[in-house]
Amino acid sequence: MSLDLDVTIGAVNLVNVGGTFIPASSLLSARGASSPAAEAKPQKRASALLTERQLTVLENLRKGDPNKVIAHKLNMSECTVKVHVRNMMKKIQARNRTELVCMTSELFQSP
């Protein structure tokens, strides 16, 4: 299994703050998504569904930042960050923060 450096660093940061890292391949196999089309569907919708502020919060989530750090960086309350995360999870149909990051990783890849 190979992970790019950003994902590896994000995973280590997430674990350091008490989170749990689950590789995307594990999530996909647990959900039964066997075709690339099933995997790409939520990712294609993500950029159209999320606001600019939500994308900024998501970018910080990818770095492994906890809500408190994201709130400080973006000059918003921790509760507002939680609301953004919860709303993104609903829109993308992710069950947790890690799955949200995995399902939207295509948005942050360089062409």
PDB file of N, CA and C in Angstrom:
ATOM      1  N   MET A   1       0.858  -1.170   0.000  1.00  0.00           N
ATOM      2  CA  MET A   1       0.000   0.000   0.000  1.00  0.00           C
ATOM      3  C   MET A   1       0.901   1.230   0.000  1.00  0.00           C
ATOM      4  N   SER A   2       0.622   2.179  -0.901  1.00  0.00           N
ATOM      5  CA  SER A   2       1.426   3.389  -0.940  1.00  0.00           C
ATOM      6  C   SER A   2       0.538   4.608  -0.741  1.00  0.00           C
ATOM      7  N   LEU A   3       1.006   5.522   0.059  1.00  0.00           N
ATOM      8  CA  LEU A   3       0.293   6.767   0.322  1.00  0.00           C
ATOM      9  C   LEU A   3       1.204   7.915  -0.066  1.00  0.00           C
ATOM     10  N   ASP A   4       0.626   8.975  -0.609  1.00  0.00           N
ATOM     11  CA  ASP A   4       1.489  10.106  -0.903  1.00  0.00           C
ATOM     12  C   ASP A   4       1.874  10.785   0.406  1.00  0.00           C
ATOM     13  N   LEU A   5       2.873  11.613   0.347  1.00  0.00           N
ATOM     14  CA  LEU A   5       3.451  12.214   1.543  1.00  0.00           C
ATOM     15  C   LEU A   5       2.435  13.034   2.330  1.00  0.00           C
ATOM     16  N   ASP A   6       1.584  13.803   1.658  1.00  0.00           N
ATOM     17  CA  ASP A   6       0.586  14.625   2.355  1.00  0.00           C
ATOM     18  C   ASP A   6      -0.380  13.775   3.169  1.00  0.00           C
ATOM     19  N   VAL A   7      -0.828  12.676   2.590  1.00  0.00           N
ATOM     20  CA  VAL A   7      -1.765  11.805   3.292  1.00  0.00           C
ATOM     21  C   VAL A   7      -1.070  11.158   4.483  1.00  0.00           C
ATOM     22  N   THR A   8       0.172  10.750   4.306  1.00  0.00           N
ATOM     23  CA  THR A   8       0.924  10.133   5.392  1.00  0.00           C
ATOM     24  C   THR A   8       1.102  11.109   6.547  1.00  0.00           C
ATOM     25  N   ILE A   9       1.490  12.331   6.230  1.00  0.00           N
ATOM     26  CA  ILE A   9       1.673  13.352   7.266  1.00  0.00           C
ATOM     27  C   ILE A   9       0.343  13.648   7.954  1.00  0.00           C
ATOM     28  N   GLY A  10      -0.722  13.761   7.158  1.00  0.00           N
ATOM     29  CA  GLY A  10      -2.047  13.990   7.730  1.00  0.00           C
ATOM     30  C   GLY A  10      -2.474  12.862   8.653  1.00  0.00           C
ATOM     31  N   ALA A  11      -2.187  11.635   8.256  1.00  0.00           N
ATOM     32  CA  ALA A  11      -2.551  10.478   9.076  1.00  0.00           C
ATOM     33  C   ALA A  11      -1.796  10.492  10.404  1.00  0.00           C
ATOM     34  N   VAL A  12      -0.508  10.801  10.350  1.00  0.00           N
ATOM     35  CA  VAL A  12       0.303  10.864  11.572  1.00  0.00           C
ATOM     36  C   VAL A  12      -0.208  11.977  12.486  1.00  0.00           C
ATOM     37  N   ASN A  13      -0.506  13.138  11.912  1.00  0.00           N
ATOM     38  CA  ASN A  13      -1.038  14.250  12.712  1.00  0.00           C
ATOM     39  C   ASN A  13      -2.374  13.881  13.339  1.00  0.00           C
ATOM     40  N   LEU A  14      -3.225  13.222  12.577  1.00  0.00           N
ATOM     41  CA  LEU A  14      -4.531  12.808  13.080  1.00  0.00           C
ATOM     42  C   LEU A  14      -4.377  11.862  14.266  1.00  0.00           C
ATOM     43  N   VAL A  15      -3.496  10.890  14.140  1.00  0.00           N
ATOM     44  CA  VAL A  15      -3.271   9.929  15.215  1.00  0.00           C
ATOM     45  C   VAL A  15      -2.658  10.622  16.432  1.00  0.00           C
ATOM     46  N   ASN A  16      -1.766  11.588  16.197  1.00  0.00           N
ATOM     47  CA  ASN A  16      -1.132  12.319  17.300  1.00  0.00           C
ATOM     48  C   ASN A  16      -2.128  13.088  18.151  1.00  0.00           C
ATOM     49  N   VAL A  17      -3.219  13.552  17.555  1.00  0.00           N
ATOM     50  CA  VAL A  17      -4.217  14.305  18.321  1.00  0.00           C
ATOM     51  C   VAL A  17      -5.358  13.412  18.802  1.00  0.00           C
ATOM     52  N   GLY A  18      -5.163  12.097  18.694  1.00  0.00           N
ATOM     53  CA  GLY A  18      -6.145  11.170  19.236  1.00  0.00           C
ATOM     54  C   GLY A  18      -7.127  10.608  18.229  1.00  0.00           C
ATOM     55  N   GLY A  19      -6.951  10.934  16.955  1.00  0.00           N
ATOM     56  CA  GLY A  19      -7.855  10.434  15.923  1.00  0.00           C
ATOM     57  C   GLY A  19      -7.481   9.032  15.477  1.00  0.00           C
ATOM     58  N   THR A  20      -8.253   8.507  14.576  1.00  0.00           N
ATOM     59  CA  THR A  20      -8.008   7.183  14.015  1.00  0.00           C
ATOM     60  C   THR A  20      -7.905   7.303  12.509  1.00  0.00           C
ATOM     61  N   PHE A  21      -6.844   6.745  11.940  1.00  0.00           N
ATOM     62  CA  PHE A  21      -6.664   6.768  10.491  1.00  0.00           C
ATOM     63  C   PHE A  21      -7.074   5.425   9.924  1.00  0.00           C
ATOM     64  N   ILE A  22      -7.933   5.478   8.926  1.00  0.00           N
ATOM     65  CA  ILE A  22      -8.360   4.273   8.217  1.00  0.00           C
ATOM     66  C   ILE A  22      -8.107   4.517   6.738  1.00  0.00           C
ATOM     67  N   PRO A  23      -7.275   3.696   6.087  1.00  0.00           N
ATOM     68  CA  PRO A  23      -6.999   3.902   4.666  1.00  0.00           C
ATOM     69  C   PRO A  23      -8.273   3.832   3.826  1.00  0.00           C
ATOM     70  N   ALA A  24      -8.302   4.611   2.773  1.00  0.00           N
ATOM     71  CA  ALA A  24      -9.471   4.660   1.889  1.00  0.00           C
ATOM     72  C   ALA A  24      -9.813   3.280   1.346  1.00  0.00           C
ATOM     73  N   SER A  25      -8.795   2.491   1.050  1.00  0.00           N
ATOM     74  CA  SER A  25      -9.054   1.159   0.502  1.00  0.00           C
ATOM     75  C   SER A  25      -9.854   0.304   1.482  1.00  0.00           C
ATOM     76  N   SER A  26      -9.596   0.474   2.764  1.00  0.00           N
ATOM     77  CA  SER A  26     -10.356  -0.264   3.775  1.00  0.00           C
ATOM     78  C   SER A  26     -11.797   0.204   3.828  1.00  0.00           C
ATOM     79  N   LEU A  27     -11.985   1.515   3.739  1.00  0.00           N
ATOM     80  CA  LEU A  27     -13.345   2.061   3.758  1.00  0.00           C
ATOM     81  C   LEU A  27     -14.137   1.600   2.548  1.00  0.00           C
ATOM     82  N   LEU A  28     -13.485   1.616   1.394  1.00  0.00           N
ATOM     83  CA  LEU A  28     -14.179   1.227   0.169  1.00  0.00           C
ATOM     84  C   LEU A  28     -14.547  -0.246   0.179  1.00  0.00           C
ATOM     85  N   SER A  29     -13.629  -1.087   0.658  1.00  0.00           N
ATOM     86  CA  SER A  29     -13.942  -2.511   0.697  1.00  0.00           C
ATOM     87  C   SER A  29     -15.024  -2.793   1.735  1.00  0.00           C
ATOM     88  N   ALA A  30     -15.039  -2.036   2.822  1.00  0.00           N
ATOM     89  CA  ALA A  30     -16.069  -2.226   3.842  1.00  0.00           C
ATOM     90  C   ALA A  30     -17.439  -1.806   3.321  1.00  0.00           C
ATOM     91  N   ARG A  31     -17.459  -0.807   2.453  1.00  0.00           N
ATOM     92  CA  ARG A  31     -18.717  -0.334   1.876  1.00  0.00           C
ATOM     93  C   ARG A  31     -19.138  -1.162   0.677  1.00  0.00           C
ATOM     94  N   GLY A  32     -18.219  -1.971   0.138  1.00  0.00           N
ATOM     95  CA  GLY A  32     -18.554  -2.806  -1.002  1.00  0.00           C
ATOM     96  C   GLY A  32     -18.441  -2.088  -2.328  1.00  0.00           C
ATOM     97  N   ALA A  33     -17.726  -0.979  -2.369  1.00  0.00           N
ATOM     98  CA  ALA A  33     -17.547  -0.239  -3.626  1.00  0.00           C
ATOM     99  C   ALA A  33     -16.437  -0.906  -4.413  1.00  0.00           C
ATOM    100  N   SER A  34     -16.808  -1.626  -5.453  1.00  0.00           N
ATOM    101  CA  SER A  34     -15.805  -2.366  -6.202  1.00  0.00           C
ATOM    102  C   SER A  34     -15.457  -1.722  -7.527  1.00  0.00           C
ATOM    103  N   SER A  35     -16.266  -0.803  -8.008  1.00  0.00           N
ATOM    104  CA  SER A  35     -15.984  -0.201  -9.305  1.00  0.00           C
ATOM    105  C   SER A  35     -15.474   1.225  -9.149  1.00  0.00           C
ATOM    106  N   PRO A  36     -14.597   1.667 -10.052  1.00  0.00           N
ATOM    107  CA  PRO A  36     -14.108   3.041  -9.987  1.00  0.00           C
ATOM    108  C   PRO A  36     -15.233   4.056 -10.106  1.00  0.00           C
ATOM    109  N   ALA A  37     -16.291   3.741 -10.827  1.00  0.00           N
ATOM    110  CA  ALA A  37     -17.416   4.675 -10.966  1.00  0.00           C
ATOM    111  C   ALA A  37     -18.099   4.898  -9.626  1.00  0.00           C
ATOM    112  N   ALA A  38     -18.241   3.850  -8.840  1.00  0.00           N
ATOM    113  CA  ALA A  38     -18.866   3.982  -7.524  1.00  0.00           C
ATOM    114  C   ALA A  38     -17.999   4.818  -6.599  1.00  0.00           C
ATOM    115  N   GLU A  39     -16.683   4.711  -6.776  1.00  0.00           N
ATOM    116  CA  GLU A  39     -15.757   5.476  -5.949  1.00  0.00           C
ATOM    117  C   GLU A  39     -15.743   6.948  -6.352  1.00  0.00           C
ATOM    118  N   ALA A  40     -15.855   7.243  -7.616  1.00  0.00           N
ATOM    119  CA  ALA A  40     -15.719   8.610  -8.108  1.00  0.00           C
ATOM    120  C   ALA A  40     -16.986   9.436  -7.944  1.00  0.00           C
ATOM    121  N   LYS A  41     -18.121   8.816  -7.832  1.00  0.00           N
ATOM    122  CA  LYS A  41     -19.384   9.552  -7.798  1.00  0.00           C
ATOM    123  C   LYS A  41     -19.434  10.620  -6.702  1.00  0.00           C
ATOM    124  N   PRO A  42     -19.150  10.298  -5.421  1.00  0.00           N
ATOM    125  CA  PRO A  42     -19.208  11.340  -4.407  1.00  0.00           C
ATOM    126  C   PRO A  42     -18.159  12.423  -4.627  1.00  0.00           C
ATOM    127  N   GLN A  43     -16.999  12.055  -5.168  1.00  0.00           N
ATOM    128  CA  GLN A  43     -15.930  13.023  -5.368  1.00  0.00           C
ATOM    129  C   GLN A  43     -16.314  14.053  -6.420  1.00  0.00           C
ATOM    130  N   LYS A  44     -16.970  13.635  -7.487  1.00  0.00           N
ATOM    131  CA  LYS A  44     -17.363  14.567  -8.539  1.00  0.00           C
ATOM    132  C   LYS A  44     -18.404  15.547  -8.027  1.00  0.00           C
ATOM    133  N   ARG A  45     -19.276  15.087  -7.158  1.00  0.00           N
ATOM    134  CA  ARG A  45     -20.314  15.948  -6.612  1.00  0.00           C
ATOM    135  C   ARG A  45     -19.760  16.898  -5.560  1.00  0.00           C
ATOM    136  N   ALA A  46     -18.680  16.533  -4.908  1.00  0.00           N
ATOM    137  CA  ALA A  46     -18.192  17.269  -3.747  1.00  0.00           C
ATOM    138  C   ALA A  46     -17.935  18.740  -4.029  1.00  0.00           C
ATOM    139  N   SER A  47     -17.224  19.045  -5.095  1.00  0.00           N
ATOM    140  CA  SER A  47     -16.882  20.441  -5.356  1.00  0.00           C
ATOM    141  C   SER A  47     -18.119  21.276  -5.660  1.00  0.00           C
ATOM    142  N   ALA A  48     -19.144  20.672  -6.233  1.00  0.00           N
ATOM    143  CA  ALA A  48     -20.373  21.402  -6.532  1.00  0.00           C
ATOM    144  C   ALA A  48     -21.224  21.598  -5.278  1.00  0.00           C
ATOM    145  N   LEU A  49     -21.103  20.702  -4.316  1.00  0.00           N
ATOM    146  CA  LEU A  49     -21.928  20.757  -3.116  1.00  0.00           C
ATOM    147  C   LEU A  49     -21.364  21.636  -2.009  1.00  0.00           C
ATOM    148  N   LEU A  50     -20.045  21.753  -1.941  1.00  0.00           N
ATOM    149  CA  LEU A  50     -19.418  22.425  -0.807  1.00  0.00           C
ATOM    150  C   LEU A  50     -19.181  23.907  -1.075  1.00  0.00           C
ATOM    151  N   THR A  51     -19.354  24.700  -0.025  1.00  0.00           N
ATOM    152  CA  THR A  51     -19.082  26.132  -0.124  1.00  0.00           C
ATOM    153  C   THR A  51     -17.573  26.366  -0.038  1.00  0.00           C
ATOM    154  N   GLU A  52     -17.146  27.572  -0.367  1.00  0.00           N
ATOM    155  CA  GLU A  52     -15.716  27.903  -0.270  1.00  0.00           C
ATOM    156  C   GLU A  52     -15.218  27.730   1.165  1.00  0.00           C
ATOM    157  N   ARG A  53     -16.021  28.150   2.138  1.00  0.00           N
ATOM    158  CA  ARG A  53     -15.620  28.042   3.542  1.00  0.00           C
ATOM    159  C   ARG A  53     -15.501  26.576   3.954  1.00  0.00           C
ATOM    160  N   GLN A  54     -16.437  25.751   3.492  1.00  0.00           N
ATOM    161  CA  GLN A  54     -16.368  24.328   3.798  1.00  0.00           C
ATOM    162  C   GLN A  54     -15.126  23.700   3.171  1.00  0.00           C
ATOM    163  N   LEU A  55     -14.796  24.115   1.958  1.00  0.00           N
ATOM    164  CA  LEU A  55     -13.586  23.598   1.313  1.00  0.00           C
ATOM    165  C   LEU A  55     -12.337  24.000   2.091  1.00  0.00           C
ATOM    166  N   THR A  56     -12.339  25.207   2.656  1.00  0.00           N
ATOM    167  CA  THR A  56     -11.205  25.655   3.466  1.00  0.00           C
ATOM    168  C   THR A  56     -11.100  24.817   4.740  1.00  0.00           C
ATOM    169  N   VAL A  57     -12.225  24.550   5.379  1.00  0.00           N
ATOM    170  CA  VAL A  57     -12.230  23.688   6.567  1.00  0.00           C
ATOM    171  C   VAL A  57     -11.752  22.289   6.186  1.00  0.00           C
ATOM    172  N   LEU A  58     -12.231  21.781   5.066  1.00  0.00           N
ATOM    173  CA  LEU A  58     -11.847  20.448   4.600  1.00  0.00           C
ATOM    174  C   LEU A  58     -10.347  20.359   4.333  1.00  0.00           C
ATOM    175  N   GLU A  59      -9.795  21.407   3.755  1.00  0.00           N
ATOM    176  CA  GLU A  59      -8.353  21.429   3.496  1.00  0.00           C
ATOM    177  C   GLU A  59      -7.570  21.294   4.804  1.00  0.00           C
ATOM    178  N   ASN A  60      -8.026  21.939   5.848  1.00  0.00           N
ATOM    179  CA  ASN A  60      -7.365  21.826   7.149  1.00  0.00           C
ATOM    180  C   ASN A  60      -7.602  20.462   7.785  1.00  0.00           C
ATOM    181  N   LEU A  61      -8.767  19.883   7.560  1.00  0.00           N
ATOM    182  CA  LEU A  61      -9.020  18.517   8.033  1.00  0.00           C
ATOM    183  C   LEU A  61      -8.028  17.546   7.407  1.00  0.00           C
ATOM    184  N   ARG A  62      -7.750  17.743   6.125  1.00  0.00           N
ATOM    185  CA  ARG A  62      -6.808  16.875   5.410  1.00  0.00           C
ATOM    186  C   ARG A  62      -5.420  16.926   6.031  1.00  0.00           C
ATOM    187  N   LYS A  63      -5.078  18.059   6.627  1.00  0.00           N
ATOM    188  CA  LYS A  63      -3.776  18.213   7.281  1.00  0.00           C
ATOM    189  C   LYS A  63      -3.754  17.541   8.648  1.00  0.00           C
ATOM    190  N   GLY A  64      -4.920  17.075   9.091  1.00  0.00           N
ATOM    191  CA  GLY A  64      -5.000  16.409  10.388  1.00  0.00           C
ATOM    192  C   GLY A  64      -5.256  17.354  11.544  1.00  0.00           C
ATOM    193  N   ASP A  65      -5.614  18.602  11.244  1.00  0.00           N
ATOM    194  CA  ASP A  65      -5.853  19.579  12.302  1.00  0.00           C
ATOM    195  C   ASP A  65      -7.149  19.268  13.050  1.00  0.00           C
ATOM    196  N   PRO A  66      -7.126  19.364  14.385  1.00  0.00           N
ATOM    197  CA  PRO A  66      -8.370  19.215  15.150  1.00  0.00           C
ATOM    198  C   PRO A  66      -9.246  20.465  15.002  1.00  0.00           C
ATOM    199  N   ASN A  67     -10.494  20.365  15.391  1.00  0.00           N
ATOM    200  CA  ASN A  67     -11.438  21.476  15.244  1.00  0.00           C
ATOM    201  C   ASN A  67     -10.933  22.767  15.878  1.00  0.00           C
ATOM    202  N   LYS A  68     -10.338  22.665  17.056  1.00  0.00           N
ATOM    203  CA  LYS A  68      -9.875  23.861  17.764  1.00  0.00           C
ATOM    204  C   LYS A  68      -8.806  24.598  16.962  1.00  0.00           C
ATOM    205  N   VAL A  69      -7.895  23.868  16.361  1.00  0.00           N
ATOM    206  CA  VAL A  69      -6.828  24.477  15.555  1.00  0.00           C
ATOM    207  C   VAL A  69      -7.412  25.087  14.285  1.00  0.00           C
ATOM    208  N   ILE A  70      -8.330  24.378  13.644  1.00  0.00           N
ATOM    209  CA  ILE A  70      -8.976  24.903  12.437  1.00  0.00           C
ATOM    210  C   ILE A  70      -9.704  26.200  12.769  1.00  0.00           C
ATOM    211  N   ALA A  71     -10.421  26.205  13.880  1.00  0.00           N
ATOM    212  CA  ALA A  71     -11.161  27.403  14.293  1.00  0.00           C
ATOM    213  C   ALA A  71     -10.215  28.584  14.483  1.00  0.00           C
ATOM    214  N   HIS A  72      -9.102  28.348  15.128  1.00  0.00           N
ATOM    215  CA  HIS A  72      -8.126  29.422  15.357  1.00  0.00           C
ATOM    216  C   HIS A  72      -7.553  29.937  14.036  1.00  0.00           C
ATOM    217  N   LYS A  73      -7.173  29.016  13.153  1.00  0.00           N
ATOM    218  CA  LYS A  73      -6.593  29.406  11.860  1.00  0.00           C
ATOM    219  C   LYS A  73      -7.570  30.218  11.018  1.00  0.00           C
ATOM    220  N   LEU A  74      -8.844  29.849  11.057  1.00  0.00           N
ATOM    221  CA  LEU A  74      -9.846  30.469  10.188  1.00  0.00           C
ATOM    222  C   LEU A  74     -10.659  31.554  10.890  1.00  0.00           C
ATOM    223  N   ASN A  75     -10.271  31.860  12.132  1.00  0.00           N
ATOM    224  CA  ASN A  75     -10.927  32.922  12.896  1.00  0.00           C
ATOM    225  C   ASN A  75     -12.443  32.690  13.013  1.00  0.00           C
ATOM    226  N   MET A  76     -12.790  31.483  13.462  1.00  0.00           N
ATOM    227  CA  MET A  76     -14.197  31.147  13.689  1.00  0.00           C
ATOM    228  C   MET A  76     -14.278  30.332  14.969  1.00  0.00           C
ATOM    229  N   SER A  77     -15.471  30.139  15.473  1.00  0.00           N
ATOM    230  CA  SER A  77     -15.620  29.357  16.699  1.00  0.00           C
ATOM    231  C   SER A  77     -15.476  27.863  16.394  1.00  0.00           C
ATOM    232  N   GLU A  78     -15.119  27.127  17.425  1.00  0.00           N
ATOM    233  CA  GLU A  78     -14.989  25.676  17.275  1.00  0.00           C
ATOM    234  C   GLU A  78     -16.337  25.052  16.906  1.00  0.00           C
ATOM    235  N   CYS A  79     -17.418  25.613  17.439  1.00  0.00           N
ATOM    236  CA  CYS A  79     -18.765  25.115  17.112  1.00  0.00           C
ATOM    237  C   CYS A  79     -19.075  25.299  15.626  1.00  0.00           C
ATOM    238  N   THR A  80     -18.619  26.410  15.050  1.00  0.00           N
ATOM    239  CA  THR A  80     -18.841  26.653  13.620  1.00  0.00           C
ATOM    240  C   THR A  80     -18.095  25.619  12.787  1.00  0.00           C
ATOM    241  N   VAL A  81     -16.886  25.285  13.201  1.00  0.00           N
ATOM    242  CA  VAL A  81     -16.121  24.250  12.500  1.00  0.00           C
ATOM    243  C   VAL A  81     -16.880  22.928  12.564  1.00  0.00           C
ATOM    244  N   LYS A  82     -17.388  22.592  13.739  1.00  0.00           N
ATOM    245  CA  LYS A  82     -18.143  21.342  13.893  1.00  0.00           C
ATOM    246  C   LYS A  82     -19.367  21.314  12.977  1.00  0.00           C
ATOM    247  N   VAL A  83     -20.042  22.452  12.868  1.00  0.00           N
ATOM    248  CA  VAL A  83     -21.213  22.533  11.990  1.00  0.00           C
ATOM    249  C   VAL A  83     -20.801  22.316  10.537  1.00  0.00           C
ATOM    250  N   HIS A  84     -19.694  22.963  10.118  1.00  0.00           N
ATOM    251  CA  HIS A  84     -19.206  22.778   8.744  1.00  0.00           C
ATOM    252  C   HIS A  84     -18.871  21.308   8.489  1.00  0.00           C
ATOM    253  N   VAL A  85     -18.173  20.680   9.428  1.00  0.00           N
ATOM    254  CA  VAL A  85     -17.786  19.271   9.263  1.00  0.00           C
ATOM    255  C   VAL A  85     -19.038  18.396   9.177  1.00  0.00           C
ATOM    256  N   ARG A  86     -19.983  18.618  10.070  1.00  0.00           N
ATOM    257  CA  ARG A  86     -21.215  17.824  10.064  1.00  0.00           C
ATOM    258  C   ARG A  86     -21.986  18.004   8.757  1.00  0.00           C
ATOM    259  N   ASN A  87     -22.090  19.248   8.287  1.00  0.00           N
ATOM    260  CA  ASN A  87     -22.805  19.502   7.036  1.00  0.00           C
ATOM    261  C   ASN A  87     -22.099  18.869   5.835  1.00  0.00           C
ATOM    262  N   MET A  88     -20.766  18.923   5.821  1.00  0.00           N
ATOM    263  CA  MET A  88     -20.025  18.282   4.730  1.00  0.00           C
ATOM    264  C   MET A  88     -20.240  16.774   4.751  1.00  0.00           C
ATOM    265  N   MET A  89     -20.225  16.183   5.950  1.00  0.00           N
ATOM    266  CA  MET A  89     -20.429  14.745   6.054  1.00  0.00           C
ATOM    267  C   MET A  89     -21.806  14.351   5.519  1.00  0.00           C
ATOM    268  N   LYS A  90     -22.810  15.164   5.806  1.00  0.00           N
ATOM    269  CA  LYS A  90     -24.158  14.886   5.288  1.00  0.00           C
ATOM    270  C   LYS A  90     -24.191  15.009   3.769  1.00  0.00           C
ATOM    271  N   LYS A  91     -23.595  16.078   3.241  1.00  0.00           N
ATOM    272  CA  LYS A  91     -23.626  16.316   1.796  1.00  0.00           C
ATOM    273  C   LYS A  91     -22.899  15.225   1.022  1.00  0.00           C
ATOM    274  N   ILE A  92     -21.768  14.779   1.547  1.00  0.00           N
ATOM    275  CA  ILE A  92     -20.929  13.794   0.859  1.00  0.00           C
ATOM    276  C   ILE A  92     -21.342  12.368   1.238  1.00  0.00           C
ATOM    277  N   GLN A  93     -22.173  12.239   2.259  1.00  0.00           N
ATOM    278  CA  GLN A  93     -22.622  10.949   2.777  1.00  0.00           C
ATOM    279  C   GLN A  93     -21.469  10.161   3.387  1.00  0.00           C
ATOM    280  N   ALA A  94     -20.631  10.881   4.122  1.00  0.00           N
ATOM    281  CA  ALA A  94     -19.528  10.253   4.847  1.00  0.00           C
ATOM    282  C   ALA A  94     -19.986   9.969   6.275  1.00  0.00           C
ATOM    283  N   ARG A  95     -19.479   8.887   6.841  1.00  0.00           N
ATOM    284  CA  ARG A  95     -19.886   8.506   8.196  1.00  0.00           C
ATOM    285  C   ARG A  95     -19.002   9.106   9.276  1.00  0.00           C
ATOM    286  N   ASN A  96     -17.797   9.558   8.896  1.00  0.00           N
ATOM    287  CA  ASN A  96     -16.901  10.175   9.871  1.00  0.00           C
ATOM    288  C   ASN A  96     -15.919  11.096   9.148  1.00  0.00           C
ATOM    289  N   ARG A  97     -15.099  11.802   9.926  1.00  0.00           N
ATOM    290  CA  ARG A  97     -14.164  12.783   9.371  1.00  0.00           C
ATOM    291  C   ARG A  97     -13.158  12.133   8.423  1.00  0.00           C
ATOM    292  N   THR A  98     -12.661  10.985   8.817  1.00  0.00           N
ATOM    293  CA  THR A  98     -11.667  10.299   7.997  1.00  0.00           C
ATOM    294  C   THR A  98     -12.256   9.911   6.649  1.00  0.00           C
ATOM    295  N   GLU A  99     -13.456   9.393   6.672  1.00  0.00           N
ATOM    296  CA  GLU A  99     -14.117   9.008   5.427  1.00  0.00           C
ATOM    297  C   GLU A  99     -14.382  10.247   4.566  1.00  0.00           C
ATOM    298  N   LEU A 100     -14.743  11.353   5.189  1.00  0.00           N
ATOM    299  CA  LEU A 100     -14.959  12.608   4.461  1.00  0.00           C
ATOM    300  C   LEU A 100     -13.692  13.017   3.719  1.00  0.00           C
ATOM    301  N   VAL A 101     -12.571  12.972   4.407  1.00  0.00           N
ATOM    302  CA  VAL A 101     -11.293  13.341   3.791  1.00  0.00           C
ATOM    303  C   VAL A 101     -10.950  12.382   2.653  1.00  0.00           C
ATOM    304  N   CYS A 102     -11.128  11.097   2.877  1.00  0.00           N
ATOM    305  CA  CYS A 102     -10.818  10.110   1.838  1.00  0.00           C
ATOM    306  C   CYS A 102     -11.713  10.279   0.614  1.00  0.00           C
ATOM    307  N   MET A 103     -12.988  10.516   0.841  1.00  0.00           N
ATOM    308  CA  MET A 103     -13.938  10.610  -0.267  1.00  0.00           C
ATOM    309  C   MET A 103     -13.760  11.889  -1.087  1.00  0.00           C
ATOM    310  N   THR A 104     -13.133  12.886  -0.514  1.00  0.00           N
ATOM    311  CA  THR A 104     -12.961  14.164  -1.211  1.00  0.00           C
ATOM    312  C   THR A 104     -11.509  14.436  -1.589  1.00  0.00           C
ATOM    313  N   SER A 105     -10.646  13.453  -1.443  1.00  0.00           N
ATOM    314  CA  SER A 105      -9.218  13.669  -1.698  1.00  0.00           C
ATOM    315  C   SER A 105      -8.939  14.091  -3.138  1.00  0.00           C
ATOM    316  N   GLU A 106      -9.797  13.682  -4.075  1.00  0.00           N
ATOM    317  CA  GLU A 106      -9.607  14.034  -5.485  1.00  0.00           C
ATOM    318  C   GLU A 106      -9.660  15.552  -5.708  1.00  0.00           C
ATOM    319  N   LEU A 107     -10.379  16.264  -4.861  1.00  0.00           N
ATOM    320  CA  LEU A 107     -10.507  17.718  -5.006  1.00  0.00           C
ATOM    321  C   LEU A 107      -9.177  18.437  -4.808  1.00  0.00           C
ATOM    322  N   PHE A 108      -8.256  17.815  -4.080  1.00  0.00           N
ATOM    323  CA  PHE A 108      -7.014  18.473  -3.712  1.00  0.00           C
ATOM    324  C   PHE A 108      -5.794  17.929  -4.450  1.00  0.00           C
ATOM    325  N   GLN A 109      -6.015  17.054  -5.412  1.00  0.00           N
ATOM    326  CA  GLN A 109      -4.900  16.495  -6.169  1.00  0.00           C
ATOM    327  C   GLN A 109      -4.522  17.422  -7.307  1.00  0.00           C
ATOM    328  N   SER A 110      -3.232  17.566  -7.532  1.00  0.00           N
ATOM    329  CA  SER A 110      -2.750  18.391  -8.642  1.00  0.00           C
ATOM    330  C   SER A 110      -2.942  17.648  -9.954  1.00  0.00           C
ATOM    331  N   PRO A 111      -3.317  18.360 -11.028  1.00  0.00           N
ATOM    332  CA  PRO A 111      -3.518  17.692 -12.326  1.00  0.00           C
ATOM    333  C   PRO A 111      -2.230  17.208 -12.935  1.00  0.00           C
TER     334      PRO A 111
END
